[in-house]
């Protein structure tokens, strides 16, 4: 029986590999994760790597073990850095924090090793083009409303990495990608909010055309750092608890870390909604949206159980100046940006045929 099952799985895998790889790819360049999407036959195939690195002792023995275990790493200036998902595992093992090649949604200006790390992670996700001059859409954040920097350097560096691999790179706003991924049934009219690691991104769209889009630099990393300081823990440990067991519906019997996480989640949601209200007050021309809009929530920071309910409750108190209908989580919150970028790339590729 077991042998028959293995044979069936193998046959299904071979059959899947025979399917046609469609033109176009989407990449979500997040502070916490890099994710890729491409279409194979009728299926969307996703890839993911944690956007992190961790320095370990550089010896020939360590290098041999990492090679044997197929762990991604970089050697630079006689230092060895574990990159991606395994970096997070190493950090938790040694009770230390990982380092990030991205900070607040863009390539970190303070990490000297950031560029080769980002290049390796992007290359491991997108690989080589499936077709000559294949189009790839990669996500970029909106201009930050609460920080004095722009995204031009970040955008151009990523463009260069992808172009060097042989792609035709194009950009898509992170929150706009969520709208393309999740709001086809609403004619791409509504609001996408991406609660990521380094930033929270917001886009309001009317018939797929962005009305406004922006970002704020308080997000998942900010929560981890604030909670870590409040309870005297490492940010990596706080993040691990947040990602594995946090339940925002739970009100009693909370640990010290859970209590702090709940407090800072409240503050983050309030902060994002207040900034959305400010965008409405500054908008000079708003289209007449007669129906209540749908709001889609996405991103790794939105994953804890009860997040959507917490967001609804706070929005009911603060209220937006337009009618709001359904508030829902994206079908796959960690994949919706990559999927939206893929939809944009596929649409562009179809125009070239």
Protein backbone atom coordinates (compact mmCIF):
# COMPACT_ATOMS: atom_id res chain seq x y z
CA UNK A 1 0.00 0.00 0.00
CA UNK A 2 2.83 2.37 0.93
CA UNK A 3 4.72 1.54 -2.27
CA UNK A 4 1.62 2.25 -4.38
CA UNK A 5 1.19 5.61 -2.65
CA UNK A 6 4.86 6.54 -3.27
CA UNK A 7 4.53 5.53 -6.91
CA UNK A 8 1.40 7.67 -7.31
CA UNK A 9 3.12 10.72 -5.75
CA UNK A 10 6.14 10.22 -8.01
CA UNK A 11 3.93 9.96 -11.08
CA UNK A 12 2.07 13.13 -10.08
CA UNK A 13 5.41 14.92 -9.64
CA UNK A 14 6.62 13.81 -13.08
CA UNK A 15 3.32 14.87 -14.62
CA UNK A 16 3.61 18.30 -12.92
CA UNK A 17 7.14 18.78 -14.27
CA UNK A 18 5.85 18.11 -17.80
CA UNK A 19 3.45 21.06 -17.58
CA UNK A 20 4.31 24.23 -19.43
CA UNK A 21 6.07 26.99 -17.51
CA UNK A 22 4.19 30.19 -18.37
CA UNK A 23 5.97 33.46 -19.10
CA UNK A 24 6.27 36.08 -16.35
CA UNK A 25 7.30 35.99 -12.70
CA UNK A 26 6.40 37.93 -9.58
CA UNK A 27 8.69 38.67 -6.64
CA UNK A 28 7.79 40.06 -3.24
CA UNK A 29 10.87 41.76 -1.78
CA UNK A 30 9.85 41.97 1.85
CA UNK A 31 11.86 42.99 4.88
CA UNK A 32 11.21 39.63 6.53
CA UNK A 33 10.86 37.34 3.48
CA UNK A 34 11.61 37.21 -0.24
CA UNK A 35 8.89 35.31 -2.12
CA UNK A 36 8.55 34.39 -5.76
CA UNK A 37 5.66 33.20 -7.92
CA UNK A 38 5.40 31.70 -11.40
CA UNK A 39 2.72 29.77 -13.22
CA UNK A 40 3.28 26.14 -14.23
CA UNK A 41 0.32 24.81 -16.17
CA UNK A 42 -2.78 25.72 -14.19
CA UNK A 43 -0.87 26.05 -10.91
CA UNK A 44 1.02 28.92 -9.27
CA UNK A 45 4.31 27.75 -7.79
CA UNK A 46 5.71 29.79 -4.88
CA UNK A 47 9.21 29.99 -3.44
CA UNK A 48 10.23 31.62 -0.18
CA UNK A 49 13.35 32.57 1.79
CA UNK A 50 13.64 34.46 5.06
CA UNK A 51 15.37 37.80 4.51
CA UNK A 52 18.02 37.41 7.18
CA UNK A 53 21.62 36.42 7.79
CA UNK A 54 23.67 35.27 10.77
CA UNK A 55 27.43 35.20 11.25
CA UNK A 56 28.94 31.86 12.34
CA UNK A 57 32.49 30.74 13.02
CA UNK A 58 34.36 30.34 9.73
CA UNK A 59 36.23 27.03 9.67
CA UNK A 60 36.73 24.43 6.96
CA UNK A 61 34.76 21.95 9.05
CA UNK A 62 31.78 24.33 9.40
CA UNK A 63 31.83 25.05 5.68
CA UNK A 64 31.85 21.31 4.90
CA UNK A 65 28.86 20.68 7.18
CA UNK A 66 26.91 23.59 5.69
CA UNK A 67 27.65 22.35 2.16
CA UNK A 68 26.53 18.85 3.09
CA UNK A 69 23.29 20.22 4.58
CA UNK A 70 22.75 22.51 1.56
CA UNK A 71 22.60 25.58 3.78
CA UNK A 72 22.94 28.87 1.88
CA UNK A 73 25.83 31.04 3.00
CA UNK A 74 28.23 33.76 1.88
CA UNK A 75 31.92 34.14 2.71
CA UNK A 76 33.03 37.76 2.69
CA UNK A 77 36.18 39.29 4.17
CA UNK A 78 36.99 35.92 5.77
CA UNK A 79 33.62 35.86 7.55
CA UNK A 80 30.90 33.25 7.01
CA UNK A 81 27.25 34.28 6.99
CA UNK A 82 24.34 31.83 6.95
CA UNK A 83 21.56 33.28 4.79
CA UNK A 84 17.80 32.72 4.63
CA UNK A 85 15.60 30.41 6.71
CA UNK A 86 18.54 28.71 8.45
CA UNK A 87 19.84 32.08 9.72
CA UNK A 88 16.71 32.38 11.89
CA UNK A 89 17.26 28.86 13.26
CA UNK A 90 20.89 29.64 14.13
CA UNK A 91 19.87 32.89 15.87
CA UNK A 92 17.30 31.16 18.07
CA UNK A 93 19.77 28.38 18.88
CA UNK A 94 22.33 30.90 20.14
CA UNK A 95 19.64 33.20 21.64
CA UNK A 96 20.77 36.12 19.47
CA UNK A 97 19.18 38.30 16.81
CA UNK A 98 19.56 37.78 13.08
CA UNK A 99 20.77 40.63 10.92
CA UNK A 100 18.62 41.97 8.11
CA UNK A 101 19.82 43.07 4.66
CA UNK A 102 16.61 45.11 4.53
CA UNK A 103 15.49 47.60 7.13
CA UNK A 104 12.18 49.49 7.19
CA UNK A 105 11.24 47.99 3.81
CA UNK A 106 14.37 49.01 1.88
CA UNK A 107 18.00 47.88 1.55
CA UNK A 108 19.67 48.69 4.86
CA UNK A 109 22.12 51.61 4.68
CA UNK A 110 23.90 50.43 7.86
CA UNK A 111 24.60 46.81 6.85
CA UNK A 112 27.82 46.65 4.83
CA UNK A 113 27.00 43.09 3.75
CA UNK A 114 23.44 43.92 2.67
CA UNK A 115 23.94 44.00 -1.11
CA UNK A 116 25.48 40.52 -1.62
CA UNK A 117 22.92 39.06 0.80
CA UNK A 118 19.97 40.54 -1.07
CA UNK A 119 21.44 39.51 -4.41
CA UNK A 120 21.86 35.89 -3.25
CA UNK A 121 18.34 35.73 -1.82
CA UNK A 122 16.73 37.21 -4.94
CA UNK A 123 18.74 34.88 -7.19
CA UNK A 124 17.75 31.84 -5.11
CA UNK A 125 14.06 32.75 -5.50
CA UNK A 126 13.77 33.77 -9.16
CA UNK A 127 16.55 31.68 -10.69
CA UNK A 128 17.34 32.22 -14.34
CA UNK A 129 14.65 33.40 -16.80
CA UNK A 130 12.51 30.62 -18.25
CA UNK A 131 12.42 32.58 -21.52
CA UNK A 132 14.72 35.22 -23.06
CA UNK A 133 14.00 38.68 -21.63
CA UNK A 134 11.23 37.35 -19.40
CA UNK A 135 9.25 40.02 -17.53
CA UNK A 136 9.47 39.99 -13.75
CA UNK A 137 7.50 42.36 -11.52
CA UNK A 138 9.04 43.04 -8.11
CA UNK A 139 7.35 44.77 -5.22
CA UNK A 140 8.43 48.12 -3.83
CA UNK A 141 6.99 49.99 -0.84
CA UNK A 142 5.08 53.23 -1.07
CA UNK A 143 6.82 56.45 -0.11
CA UNK A 144 7.05 56.50 3.71
CA UNK A 145 4.87 59.07 5.48
CA UNK A 146 6.80 58.99 8.75
CA UNK A 147 10.45 58.82 7.69
CA UNK A 148 12.84 61.04 5.78
CA UNK A 149 14.04 58.71 3.02
CA UNK A 150 12.90 57.62 -0.43
CA UNK A 151 12.89 54.26 -2.20
CA UNK A 152 14.83 55.21 -5.37
CA UNK A 153 18.15 53.57 -4.37
CA UNK A 154 16.35 50.40 -3.24
CA UNK A 155 14.35 50.22 -6.47
CA UNK A 156 17.36 50.72 -8.77
CA UNK A 157 19.60 48.21 -6.97
CA UNK A 158 16.95 45.48 -7.27
CA UNK A 159 16.38 46.44 -10.90
CA UNK A 160 20.09 45.90 -11.54
CA UNK A 161 20.16 42.49 -9.82
CA UNK A 162 17.22 41.23 -11.90
CA UNK A 163 18.49 42.75 -15.14
CA UNK A 164 21.87 41.07 -14.63
CA UNK A 165 20.04 37.74 -14.39
CA UNK A 166 18.50 38.37 -17.82
CA UNK A 167 15.05 39.66 -16.88
CA UNK A 168 13.08 42.74 -17.90
CA UNK A 169 12.29 44.07 -14.41
CA UNK A 170 9.24 46.20 -13.60
CA UNK A 171 7.97 47.52 -10.28
CA UNK A 172 4.61 47.21 -8.54
CA UNK A 173 3.54 48.82 -5.30
CA UNK A 174 3.28 46.20 -2.57
CA UNK A 175 -0.27 47.03 -1.45
CA UNK A 176 -1.46 47.47 -5.06
CA UNK A 177 -0.25 43.92 -5.74
CA UNK A 178 -2.60 42.69 -2.99
CA UNK A 179 -5.52 44.35 -4.77
CA UNK A 180 -4.62 42.62 -8.06
CA UNK A 181 -4.35 39.31 -6.20
CA UNK A 182 -7.49 39.50 -4.06
CA UNK A 183 -10.08 41.91 -5.51
CA UNK A 184 -10.86 40.64 -9.02
CA UNK A 185 -14.46 40.01 -7.90
CA UNK A 186 -14.76 43.67 -6.88
CA UNK A 187 -13.32 44.94 -10.21
CA UNK A 188 -10.10 45.74 -8.34
CA UNK A 189 -11.82 48.47 -6.34
CA UNK A 190 -10.97 48.55 -2.66
CA UNK A 191 -8.12 48.84 -0.22
CA UNK A 192 -5.13 46.56 0.26
CA UNK A 193 -3.08 46.78 3.45
CA UNK A 194 0.15 44.85 3.78
CA UNK A 195 1.36 44.49 7.36
CA UNK A 196 4.93 43.42 6.66
CA UNK A 197 8.09 43.19 8.71
CA UNK A 198 9.66 46.58 8.02
CA UNK A 199 6.68 48.59 6.82
CA UNK A 200 2.92 48.68 6.60
CA UNK A 201 1.83 49.52 3.05
CA UNK A 202 -1.58 50.86 2.01
CA UNK A 203 -3.21 51.33 -1.39
CA UNK A 204 -6.72 52.50 -2.26
CA UNK A 205 -7.68 51.53 -5.79
CA UNK A 206 -10.60 52.33 -8.10
CA UNK A 207 -11.04 49.91 -11.02
CA UNK A 208 -7.38 48.85 -10.60
CA UNK A 209 -6.08 52.47 -10.68
CA UNK A 210 -4.40 53.56 -7.42
CA UNK A 211 -6.01 56.61 -5.80
CA UNK A 212 -3.34 56.84 -3.13
CA UNK A 213 -0.57 54.58 -1.90
CA UNK A 214 1.86 55.06 0.96
CA UNK A 215 3.77 53.30 3.69
CA UNK A 216 4.59 53.77 7.35
CA UNK A 217 7.70 52.44 9.06
CA UNK A 218 5.95 50.89 12.03
CA UNK A 219 5.24 47.22 11.38
CA UNK A 220 6.26 43.75 12.55
CA UNK A 221 9.92 44.55 13.29
CA UNK A 222 8.86 47.62 15.26
CA UNK A 223 6.52 45.46 17.37
CA UNK A 224 9.31 42.92 18.02
CA UNK A 225 11.77 45.63 19.05
CA UNK A 226 9.33 47.45 21.35
CA UNK A 227 8.20 44.25 23.04
CA UNK A 228 11.79 43.05 23.40
CA UNK A 229 12.74 46.27 25.21
CA UNK A 230 9.62 46.14 27.39
CA UNK A 231 10.15 42.58 28.61
CA UNK A 232 13.96 42.29 28.32
CA UNK A 233 14.03 39.62 25.59
CA UNK A 234 15.67 39.34 22.18
CA UNK A 235 13.66 40.50 19.19
CA UNK A 236 14.23 37.11 17.51
CA UNK A 237 12.60 35.29 20.44
CA UNK A 238 9.66 37.70 20.50
CA UNK A 239 9.24 37.23 16.74
CA UNK A 240 9.28 33.43 17.12
CA UNK A 241 6.48 33.58 19.72
CA UNK A 242 4.50 36.07 17.61
CA UNK A 243 4.74 33.82 14.56
CA UNK A 244 4.07 30.50 16.30
CA UNK A 245 1.52 30.93 19.07
CA UNK A 246 0.13 34.48 19.47
CA UNK A 247 -3.68 34.60 19.67
CA UNK A 248 -5.10 38.14 19.64
CA UNK A 249 -8.55 36.81 20.59
CA UNK A 250 -7.18 35.60 23.90
CA UNK A 251 -7.81 38.00 26.79
CA UNK A 252 -6.95 36.02 29.92
CA UNK A 253 -3.98 34.01 31.08
CA UNK A 254 -1.57 35.95 28.88
CA UNK A 255 2.17 35.72 29.41
CA UNK A 256 4.23 38.89 29.83
CA UNK A 257 5.32 38.73 26.19
CA UNK A 258 1.76 38.10 24.93
CA UNK A 259 0.45 41.07 26.93
CA UNK A 260 3.11 43.34 25.44
CA UNK A 261 2.43 42.02 21.92
CA UNK A 262 -1.28 42.73 22.32
CA UNK A 263 -0.59 46.31 23.44
CA UNK A 264 1.73 47.06 20.53
CA UNK A 265 -0.57 45.41 17.99
CA UNK A 266 -3.29 47.81 19.13
CA UNK A 267 -0.96 50.75 18.68
CA UNK A 268 0.17 49.61 15.21
CA UNK A 269 -3.39 49.18 13.90
CA UNK A 270 -4.45 52.57 15.31
CA UNK A 271 -1.37 54.20 13.76
CA UNK A 272 -2.05 52.76 10.30
CA UNK A 273 -5.73 53.76 10.37
CA UNK A 274 -4.89 57.31 11.49
CA UNK A 275 -2.46 57.62 8.57
CA UNK A 276 -5.14 56.35 6.16
CA UNK A 277 -7.51 59.02 7.46
CA UNK A 278 -4.82 61.62 6.91
CA UNK A 279 -4.45 60.48 3.27
CA UNK A 280 -8.17 60.98 2.71
CA UNK A 281 -8.00 64.49 4.17
CA UNK A 282 -5.08 65.37 1.86
CA UNK A 283 -6.51 63.85 -1.33
CA UNK A 284 -7.56 66.59 -3.76
CA UNK A 285 -9.65 64.48 -6.11
CA UNK A 286 -11.51 61.41 -4.96
CA UNK A 287 -13.59 59.31 -7.37
CA UNK A 288 -17.21 58.79 -6.41
CA UNK A 289 -17.21 55.38 -4.77
CA UNK A 290 -20.86 54.57 -4.16
CA UNK A 291 -20.57 51.07 -2.78
CA UNK A 292 -18.85 50.23 0.52
CA UNK A 293 -15.28 49.22 -0.20
CA UNK A 294 -13.66 45.92 0.71
CA UNK A 295 -10.47 46.01 2.76
CA UNK A 296 -8.01 43.13 2.37
CA UNK A 297 -5.42 42.52 5.08
CA UNK A 298 -2.20 40.72 4.30
CA UNK A 299 1.44 40.27 5.30
CA UNK A 300 3.26 38.28 7.96
CA UNK A 301 2.38 40.64 10.80
CA UNK A 302 -1.33 40.02 10.11
CA UNK A 303 -1.02 36.25 10.64
CA UNK A 304 -1.76 35.89 14.38
CA UNK A 305 -5.22 34.50 15.10
CA UNK A 306 -7.73 37.27 15.74
CA UNK A 307 -5.88 39.98 13.82
CA UNK A 308 -8.79 40.75 11.44
CA UNK A 309 -11.24 40.94 14.37
CA UNK A 310 -8.89 43.30 16.22
CA UNK A 311 -8.56 45.46 13.09
CA UNK A 312 -12.39 45.62 12.63
CA UNK A 313 -12.94 46.58 16.25
CA UNK A 314 -10.43 49.44 16.14
CA UNK A 315 -11.69 50.64 12.73
CA UNK A 316 -15.24 50.77 14.11
CA UNK A 317 -13.96 53.19 16.75
CA UNK A 318 -11.82 55.38 14.47
CA UNK A 319 -13.97 55.21 11.29
CA UNK A 320 -12.93 56.12 7.74
CA UNK A 321 -14.61 58.94 5.75
CA UNK A 322 -15.95 56.44 3.17
CA UNK A 323 -18.27 53.47 3.71
CA UNK A 324 -16.49 50.21 4.45
CA UNK A 325 -17.99 46.83 3.61
CA UNK A 326 -16.19 43.55 4.11
CA UNK A 327 -12.87 43.39 5.94
CA UNK A 328 -11.12 40.12 5.23
CA UNK A 329 -7.78 38.41 5.27
CA UNK A 330 -6.10 37.62 1.97
CA UNK A 331 -6.57 34.01 0.89
CA UNK A 332 -2.85 33.42 1.44
CA UNK A 333 -1.48 36.42 3.38
CA UNK A 334 2.17 35.52 2.88
CA UNK A 335 1.78 34.98 -0.87
CA UNK A 336 -0.65 37.64 -2.03
CA UNK A 337 2.01 40.25 -2.98
CA UNK A 338 4.00 37.74 -5.05
CA UNK A 339 0.77 36.52 -6.66
CA UNK A 340 -0.31 40.08 -7.53
CA UNK A 341 3.12 40.79 -9.02
CA UNK A 342 2.80 37.59 -11.08
CA UNK A 343 -0.64 38.68 -12.35
CA UNK A 344 0.87 41.98 -13.54
CA UNK A 345 3.78 40.17 -15.22
CA UNK A 346 1.49 37.66 -16.94
CA UNK A 347 -0.70 40.49 -18.25
CA UNK A 348 2.34 42.25 -19.72
CA UNK A 349 3.64 39.03 -21.27
CA UNK A 350 0.28 38.39 -22.94
CA UNK A 351 0.50 41.78 -24.67
CA UNK A 352 3.80 40.76 -26.28
CA UNK A 353 2.41 37.57 -27.86
